[in-house]
Structures are given as structure tokens and as C-alpha cells.
Protein backbone atom coordinates (compact mmCIF):
# COMPACT_ATOMS: atom_id res chain seq x y z
CA MET A 1 75.94 -23.08 -34.95
CA THR A 2 72.22 -23.17 -35.49
CA HIS A 3 69.55 -22.14 -33.04
CA SER A 4 68.57 -25.81 -32.54
CA TYR A 5 72.14 -26.56 -31.45
CA VAL A 6 71.98 -23.76 -28.92
CA MET A 7 68.72 -25.01 -27.49
CA GLN A 8 70.19 -28.47 -26.97
CA HIS A 9 72.70 -26.85 -24.66
CA ILE A 10 70.11 -25.16 -22.48
CA LEU A 11 69.67 -27.81 -19.81
CA ASN A 12 66.83 -26.05 -18.06
CA SER A 13 65.14 -22.69 -18.26
CA ASN A 14 62.12 -20.99 -16.75
CA ILE A 15 61.60 -17.41 -17.90
CA ARG A 16 58.60 -15.32 -16.91
CA TYR A 17 57.58 -11.86 -18.17
CA LEU A 18 55.05 -10.61 -15.65
CA PRO A 19 52.18 -8.22 -16.40
CA VAL A 20 51.84 -5.17 -14.19
CA HIS A 21 48.43 -3.68 -13.51
CA GLU A 22 47.61 -0.14 -12.38
CA GLN A 23 47.04 -1.35 -8.82
CA ASP A 24 50.47 -3.02 -8.84
CA GLU A 25 52.11 0.27 -9.87
CA ASN A 26 50.84 1.88 -6.68
CA TRP A 27 52.89 -0.64 -4.67
CA SER A 28 56.41 0.47 -3.72
CA LEU A 29 57.97 -2.25 -5.87
CA MET A 30 56.74 -4.28 -8.85
CA VAL A 31 58.32 -7.31 -10.50
CA LYS A 32 58.65 -7.28 -14.30
CA THR A 33 60.50 -10.52 -15.00
CA ALA A 34 62.03 -13.51 -13.27
CA GLY A 35 63.84 -16.56 -14.49
CA PHE A 36 66.35 -19.35 -14.25
CA GLN A 37 68.62 -20.55 -17.02
CA SER A 38 71.33 -23.17 -17.21
CA VAL A 39 73.79 -22.60 -20.06
CA THR A 40 76.22 -25.44 -20.69
CA ALA A 41 79.85 -25.05 -21.68
CA ASN A 42 80.62 -24.16 -25.31
CA SER A 43 77.13 -22.79 -26.00
CA ILE A 44 76.41 -19.64 -28.00
CA TYR A 45 75.38 -16.82 -25.68
CA PRO A 46 73.14 -14.93 -25.40
CA THR A 47 70.40 -17.29 -26.40
CA VAL A 48 67.35 -16.17 -28.37
CA ASP A 49 64.92 -14.08 -26.31
CA ASN A 50 61.36 -13.72 -27.53
CA SER A 51 60.83 -10.39 -25.75
CA MET A 52 61.96 -7.25 -27.58
CA ASP A 53 62.25 -5.46 -24.21
CA TYR A 54 64.98 -7.89 -23.13
CA SER A 55 66.71 -8.64 -26.46
CA PHE A 56 70.46 -8.73 -26.00
CA ASN A 57 73.56 -8.73 -28.16
CA PHE A 58 76.87 -9.02 -26.32
CA GLN A 59 78.84 -6.90 -28.77
CA SER A 60 76.54 -3.89 -28.51
CA GLY A 61 75.35 -4.50 -24.94
CA ARG A 62 72.00 -3.38 -23.62
CA VAL A 63 70.16 -0.73 -21.60
CA LEU A 64 67.07 -1.63 -19.54
CA ASP A 65 64.44 0.56 -17.89
CA GLU A 66 64.40 -1.59 -14.72
CA PHE A 67 66.62 -3.06 -12.05
CA GLN A 68 67.74 -6.67 -12.33
CA MET A 69 69.37 -8.83 -9.68
CA ILE A 70 71.23 -11.81 -11.18
CA TYR A 71 72.62 -14.68 -9.09
CA ILE A 72 75.22 -17.07 -10.53
CA THR A 73 75.06 -20.45 -8.81
CA LYS A 74 77.37 -22.40 -11.10
CA GLY A 75 80.12 -21.60 -13.60
CA SER A 76 81.76 -18.26 -14.29
CA GLY A 77 81.71 -15.33 -16.71
CA ILE A 78 82.32 -11.62 -17.16
CA PHE A 79 80.33 -8.45 -16.56
CA GLU A 80 80.84 -4.91 -17.81
CA SER A 81 78.85 -1.69 -17.58
CA SER A 82 79.19 2.03 -18.13
CA SER A 83 80.47 2.38 -14.58
CA VAL A 84 82.70 -0.71 -14.24
CA LYS A 85 85.00 -2.46 -16.67
CA HIS A 86 85.37 -6.21 -17.14
CA ILE A 87 84.62 -7.86 -13.79
CA THR A 88 84.96 -11.62 -13.45
CA ILE A 89 81.75 -13.22 -12.19
CA GLY A 90 81.98 -16.53 -10.37
CA GLU A 91 79.78 -19.00 -8.54
CA GLY A 92 78.06 -17.40 -5.57
CA THR A 93 78.10 -13.90 -7.10
CA ILE A 94 75.17 -11.53 -7.47
CA PHE A 95 75.34 -8.60 -9.85
CA PHE A 96 72.88 -5.78 -10.32
CA LEU A 97 71.71 -4.09 -13.52
CA PHE A 98 70.44 -0.54 -13.18
CA PRO A 99 67.83 1.33 -15.25
CA GLY A 100 69.43 3.49 -17.91
CA GLU A 101 72.88 1.93 -17.36
CA TRP A 102 74.56 0.26 -20.35
CA HIS A 103 75.82 -3.24 -19.57
CA ARG A 104 76.77 -6.60 -21.01
CA PHE A 105 77.66 -9.99 -19.58
CA ARG A 106 78.20 -13.57 -20.62
CA PRO A 107 79.36 -16.92 -19.23
CA GLU A 108 82.81 -18.25 -20.04
CA GLN A 109 82.54 -20.72 -22.93
CA SER A 110 84.62 -23.27 -21.01
CA THR A 111 82.25 -23.33 -18.02
CA GLY A 112 78.83 -21.97 -18.97
CA TRP A 113 76.77 -20.90 -15.96
CA ASP A 114 73.51 -21.31 -14.06
CA SER A 115 71.75 -18.07 -13.26
CA TYR A 116 68.64 -16.87 -11.45
CA TRP A 117 67.36 -13.34 -11.99
CA VAL A 118 64.54 -11.02 -11.12
CA GLY A 119 63.73 -7.65 -12.71
CA PHE A 120 61.88 -4.97 -10.77
CA LYS A 121 60.96 -1.29 -10.63
CA GLY A 122 59.54 1.13 -8.09
CA LYS A 123 60.22 3.75 -5.44
CA PHE A 124 61.64 1.21 -3.03
CA ALA A 125 64.45 0.29 -5.41
CA GLU A 126 65.08 3.93 -6.34
CA ASN A 127 65.46 4.81 -2.66
CA LEU A 128 68.13 2.11 -2.27
CA ILE A 129 70.29 4.06 -4.70
CA LEU A 130 69.47 7.44 -3.17
CA ASN A 131 70.47 6.17 0.28
CA GLY A 132 73.61 4.37 -0.84
CA TYR A 133 72.51 0.75 -0.40
CA LEU A 134 72.96 0.11 -4.13
CA SER A 135 75.49 1.77 -6.40
CA VAL A 136 76.14 1.61 -10.14
CA GLY A 137 79.83 1.80 -9.24
CA LYS A 138 79.63 -1.35 -7.09
CA PRO A 139 77.20 -3.68 -8.89
CA VAL A 140 78.80 -6.98 -7.85
CA VAL A 141 78.25 -8.69 -4.49
CA LYS A 142 79.87 -11.95 -3.40
CA VAL A 143 77.54 -13.91 -1.15
CA GLY A 144 78.66 -17.48 -1.82
CA TYR A 145 76.36 -20.35 -2.67
CA ASN A 146 73.36 -19.95 -0.40
CA GLU A 147 70.28 -22.19 -0.28
CA GLU A 148 68.15 -19.44 1.27
CA ILE A 149 68.78 -17.13 -1.70
CA VAL A 150 68.05 -19.93 -4.19
CA SER A 151 64.84 -20.76 -2.34
CA LEU A 152 63.66 -17.14 -2.51
CA TYR A 153 64.27 -16.97 -6.26
CA GLN A 154 62.39 -20.25 -6.72
CA ARG A 155 59.42 -18.95 -4.72
CA ILE A 156 59.26 -15.90 -7.00
CA LEU A 157 59.21 -18.19 -10.05
CA GLU A 158 56.56 -20.48 -8.57
CA ALA A 159 54.24 -17.57 -7.75
CA GLY A 160 54.95 -15.96 -11.13
CA ASN A 161 54.05 -19.17 -12.94
CA GLU A 162 50.70 -19.39 -11.12
CA GLU A 163 49.83 -15.65 -11.34
CA ARG A 164 47.17 -15.84 -8.65
CA ALA A 165 45.39 -12.70 -7.43
CA GLY A 166 47.75 -10.53 -5.39
CA TYR A 167 50.85 -12.41 -6.51
CA GLN A 168 52.64 -9.19 -7.52
CA GLN A 169 52.50 -7.88 -3.95
CA TYR A 170 53.62 -11.27 -2.65
CA ILE A 171 56.65 -11.59 -4.92
CA SER A 172 57.62 -7.94 -4.46
CA GLY A 173 57.82 -8.72 -0.74
CA ILE A 174 60.14 -11.62 -1.53
CA VAL A 175 62.34 -9.31 -3.63
CA ILE A 176 62.58 -6.88 -0.69
CA HIS A 177 63.47 -9.83 1.54
CA LEU A 178 66.13 -10.86 -0.98
CA LEU A 179 67.62 -7.37 -1.11
CA GLY A 180 67.81 -7.19 2.67
CA TYR A 181 69.27 -10.67 2.98
CA ILE A 182 71.90 -10.01 0.31
CA TYR A 183 72.89 -6.75 2.02
CA TYR A 184 73.19 -8.62 5.32
CA ARG A 185 75.30 -11.41 3.80
CA ALA A 186 77.55 -8.93 2.00
CA LYS A 187 78.16 -6.93 5.18
CA ASP A 188 78.90 -10.11 7.13
CA ASN A 189 81.26 -11.48 4.47
CA HIS A 190 83.15 -8.18 4.40
CA TYR A 191 84.79 -9.12 7.69
CA GLU A 192 87.11 -11.91 6.66
CA ASP A 193 89.21 -11.59 9.82
CA LYS A 194 87.32 -14.04 12.03
CA ALA A 195 89.19 -12.85 15.13
CA ILE A 196 87.66 -9.38 14.64
CA VAL A 197 84.21 -10.86 14.07
CA GLN A 198 84.53 -12.86 17.30
CA LYS A 199 85.57 -9.75 19.22
CA MET A 200 82.62 -7.75 17.89
CA ASP A 201 80.25 -10.60 18.70
CA LYS A 202 81.71 -10.86 22.19
CA ALA A 203 81.37 -7.11 22.66
CA ARG A 204 77.66 -7.27 21.90
CA VAL A 205 77.18 -10.21 24.25
CA LEU A 206 79.01 -8.36 27.04
CA ILE A 207 76.88 -5.27 26.49
CA ARG A 208 73.64 -7.26 26.58
CA GLU A 209 74.69 -9.16 29.69
CA GLN A 210 75.56 -5.95 31.52
CA ILE A 211 72.93 -3.63 30.11
CA ASN A 212 71.51 -2.98 33.60
CA ALA A 213 74.95 -2.22 35.04
CA ASP A 214 77.21 0.82 34.87
CA ILE A 215 78.72 -0.39 31.62
CA SER A 216 81.04 1.75 29.49
CA PRO A 217 82.50 1.31 26.00
CA GLU A 218 85.96 1.88 27.46
CA ALA A 219 85.50 -1.04 29.86
CA ILE A 220 84.34 -3.30 27.02
CA ALA A 221 87.40 -2.36 24.94
CA LYS A 222 89.66 -3.14 27.88
CA GLU A 223 88.06 -6.54 28.38
CA LEU A 224 88.62 -7.31 24.69
CA ILE A 225 92.26 -6.18 25.01
CA MET A 226 91.82 -3.42 22.43
CA THR A 227 92.47 0.29 22.46
CA TYR A 228 89.25 2.23 22.80
CA SER A 229 89.76 4.16 19.53
CA TRP A 230 90.32 0.94 17.57
CA PHE A 231 87.40 -0.80 19.28
CA ARG A 232 85.06 2.14 18.61
CA ARG A 233 86.04 2.31 14.96
CA LEU A 234 85.56 -1.43 14.32
CA PHE A 235 82.34 -1.61 16.33
CA LYS A 236 80.77 1.22 14.35
CA GLN A 237 81.86 -0.34 11.05
CA TYR A 238 80.40 -3.69 12.10
CA THR A 239 77.09 -2.56 13.66
CA GLY A 240 76.53 0.88 12.14
CA LEU A 241 76.45 2.41 15.62
CA ALA A 242 79.11 3.75 17.95
CA PRO A 243 79.36 1.63 21.17
CA ALA A 244 77.75 4.36 23.30
CA GLN A 245 74.83 4.64 20.84
CA TYR A 246 74.42 0.86 20.82
CA ILE A 247 74.32 0.76 24.62
CA ALA A 248 71.86 3.67 24.77
CA GLN A 249 69.50 2.03 22.27
CA LEU A 250 69.54 -1.34 24.04
CA ARG A 251 68.97 0.35 27.40
CA LEU A 252 66.04 2.28 25.95
CA GLN A 253 64.54 -0.88 24.43
CA ARG A 254 64.77 -2.63 27.78
CA ALA A 255 63.16 0.35 29.53
CA LYS A 256 60.30 0.31 27.00
CA GLU A 257 59.83 -3.40 27.65
CA LEU A 258 59.62 -2.79 31.41
CA LEU A 259 57.17 0.07 30.92
CA SER A 260 54.89 -2.04 28.73
CA THR A 261 55.06 -5.36 30.60
CA THR A 262 55.45 -4.51 34.30
CA SER A 263 53.88 -2.23 36.90
CA LYS A 264 57.23 -0.88 38.06
CA SER A 265 57.30 2.87 38.50
CA VAL A 266 59.26 5.15 36.21
CA LYS A 267 61.66 5.78 39.10
CA GLU A 268 62.18 2.06 39.69
CA ILE A 269 62.88 1.48 36.02
CA ALA A 270 65.33 4.39 35.89
CA VAL A 271 67.20 2.92 38.84
CA GLU A 272 67.13 -0.63 37.46
CA MET A 273 68.47 0.53 34.09
CA ASN A 274 71.21 2.50 35.85
CA TYR A 275 70.25 5.94 34.55
CA GLU A 276 71.83 8.87 36.37
CA SER A 277 68.45 10.11 37.60
CA VAL A 278 64.75 9.92 36.86
CA ASP A 279 64.93 13.30 35.14
CA TYR A 280 67.82 12.17 32.94
CA PHE A 281 65.95 8.97 32.07
CA SER A 282 62.81 10.92 31.15
CA THR A 283 64.79 13.41 29.06
CA GLN A 284 66.60 10.68 27.12
CA PHE A 285 63.39 8.69 26.68
CA ARG A 286 61.50 11.69 25.33
CA ARG A 287 64.35 12.61 23.01
CA GLN A 288 64.23 9.16 21.41
CA THR A 289 60.49 8.45 21.41
CA LYS A 290 58.86 11.93 21.46
CA MET A 291 56.95 10.74 24.54
CA THR A 292 57.56 10.74 28.28
CA PRO A 293 57.90 7.28 29.90
CA THR A 294 54.38 7.59 31.33
CA GLN A 295 52.90 8.65 28.00
CA TYR A 296 54.55 5.62 26.42
CA ARG A 297 53.12 3.34 29.12
CA ASN A 298 49.66 4.85 28.62
CA SER A 299 49.90 4.24 24.88
CA CYS A 300 50.63 0.56 25.58
CA PHE A 301 47.88 0.02 28.14
CA GLY A 302 45.36 2.54 26.86
CA SER A 303 44.98 4.03 30.35
CA LYS A 304 46.20 6.98 32.34
CA SER A 305 48.71 6.76 35.16
CA SER A 306 50.59 9.39 37.14
CA GLU A 307 54.18 10.38 36.58
CA VAL A 308 56.08 8.46 39.27
């Protein structure tokens, strides 16, 4: 097949290679490339790429010096890297490419695929690996078809096409938003047992409704008709916090709200939030905020008041 034949099978494409200035490099994340491409069934892939930095041959694969986040919105294909072998990629799947990591991918000839992608570098992305949010061993995330994700990719492309002053900082913010949203969707989709999801949602509602009362994780588990050990394990998996930690944080947030928006005394707030004593409330508050309740109130109002 000739190159002209291949191009007839590219229904739509928008590929941007974005310049990065010295000021952009000082930002925590910078975007190097972004694009959309629709490859029809029975097309030769990969198509011709005019950039040597991104040239790609499926047989030999490729290594990049940046991260890429690729979203398949239609069709299916395969993905392989140094860390994972032959994963099937379907509609609603995002896969990540990592700097220095050999990889290759392609759509199935029988289906083709539509893909959005964005390539980026910077300390922010590096920290995601260091802290376990991204892993070369788990590069594939199933998020389903999602209009919000598509919209964010399109906004990156629109801003990249215009290249107005400050656009790098703007689109890097969108990439961070995308990364957070994808992490959120992946965590939510992990819980396929809807009965468990409903119980965890109900637990959080019960805690919020009774945050001023003498609430206990054991009582919540009993109301949900679960053993406490099972409830605690699932709750921590779902929220990232043990039930007691969740309750303590919500109680502290409510106490901070009362300190900053009312004239109630520290003692009144401690009683209202059902702390054991004023001293215990002050100790817990200082442990979490590095300030006493009164110091926190003063920082909000910019005035001095006595410890009451």
C-alpha cells in the first residue's frame, strides 16, 4: 500500500508538537505534544510521522523521553512494553507511556481506532511515579467512554493550536486535572460490587449526619450489618482512611469552620463537637494543625482573643 492510500484512511487528525521555553521548564509540568487521530479499519499503522522525536516502527518499538497518556475512544488494539506483555486495548481505555520505557502499540486491523494523546514532562509527573500513583507495571487504566475526558483533551488541542501567551501553563493545568480525574475514575470503577459501594456511601452519609454525636466506627458497622473488621478494611480501601481517621478529620474540619465563622468559645465548640474535654480538643487540634484553636481563630480574623 502506498502512503497516499494510508492517508485516505485517516478520517481526521490533529497533531501538535509544542515548543517549550525556559520559563515553561520552571513550571512543574510542561506539555510536549498533543493530538487526535482516527485510523480506519484495514489501514497501515503506524502512519508517517514528520517528527524524528516521535518516529515509530511497530516491529522495533520505541523509547521516548517523556510521559504520554493515550485515550482510546473507539476500536481496539494491543499494547506491549518492557514491563508488560501484550495487553488488549479497547474502547474507553487509557494507557501510559513512560520515559525510557520501551513500548509498542497498534490498532487491530479489523477495527482501527480513535485515539487522543498528550505528552508531558516535569517534576509533577515524576512524583506520581515516586509516590505510586503511576507505575510502569500497571500502564493501562479502564475508565470507559467519558465526555469529560474527551472535553479535556480537546481543550488542550484548542489551546495548543492557538499558542497564546501562557498557554503552556494553562494546558499543563488541564493535564494535571486529567491525571486526577482518571485516577478518581479508576478508583471508583475498581469497586464493581455496587452493594459494597452503596454501603460505603451510606457509611459516609451516616458519619456526616452524626458528626456532632458520640459516633463510633463500630456502631456504623453494626448499622450496615457488617463485622467491624470487614467494614474497616473496605472503608479504608475505598476512602484511603480508616473509619476513625475519617471521623476525626471531619470533626476537625467542622471545628475549624465553627472557629472561623462563629463567636462560640473554644469550650462551646469542644462540647458541640462531642470531644471528651476542652484539653483533649485543644491537643488534637494542635496535633493536626500545629496551632491551638485560639491561634487558628486569630489567624482567620487577624485579631487576638483569649483562650476560652
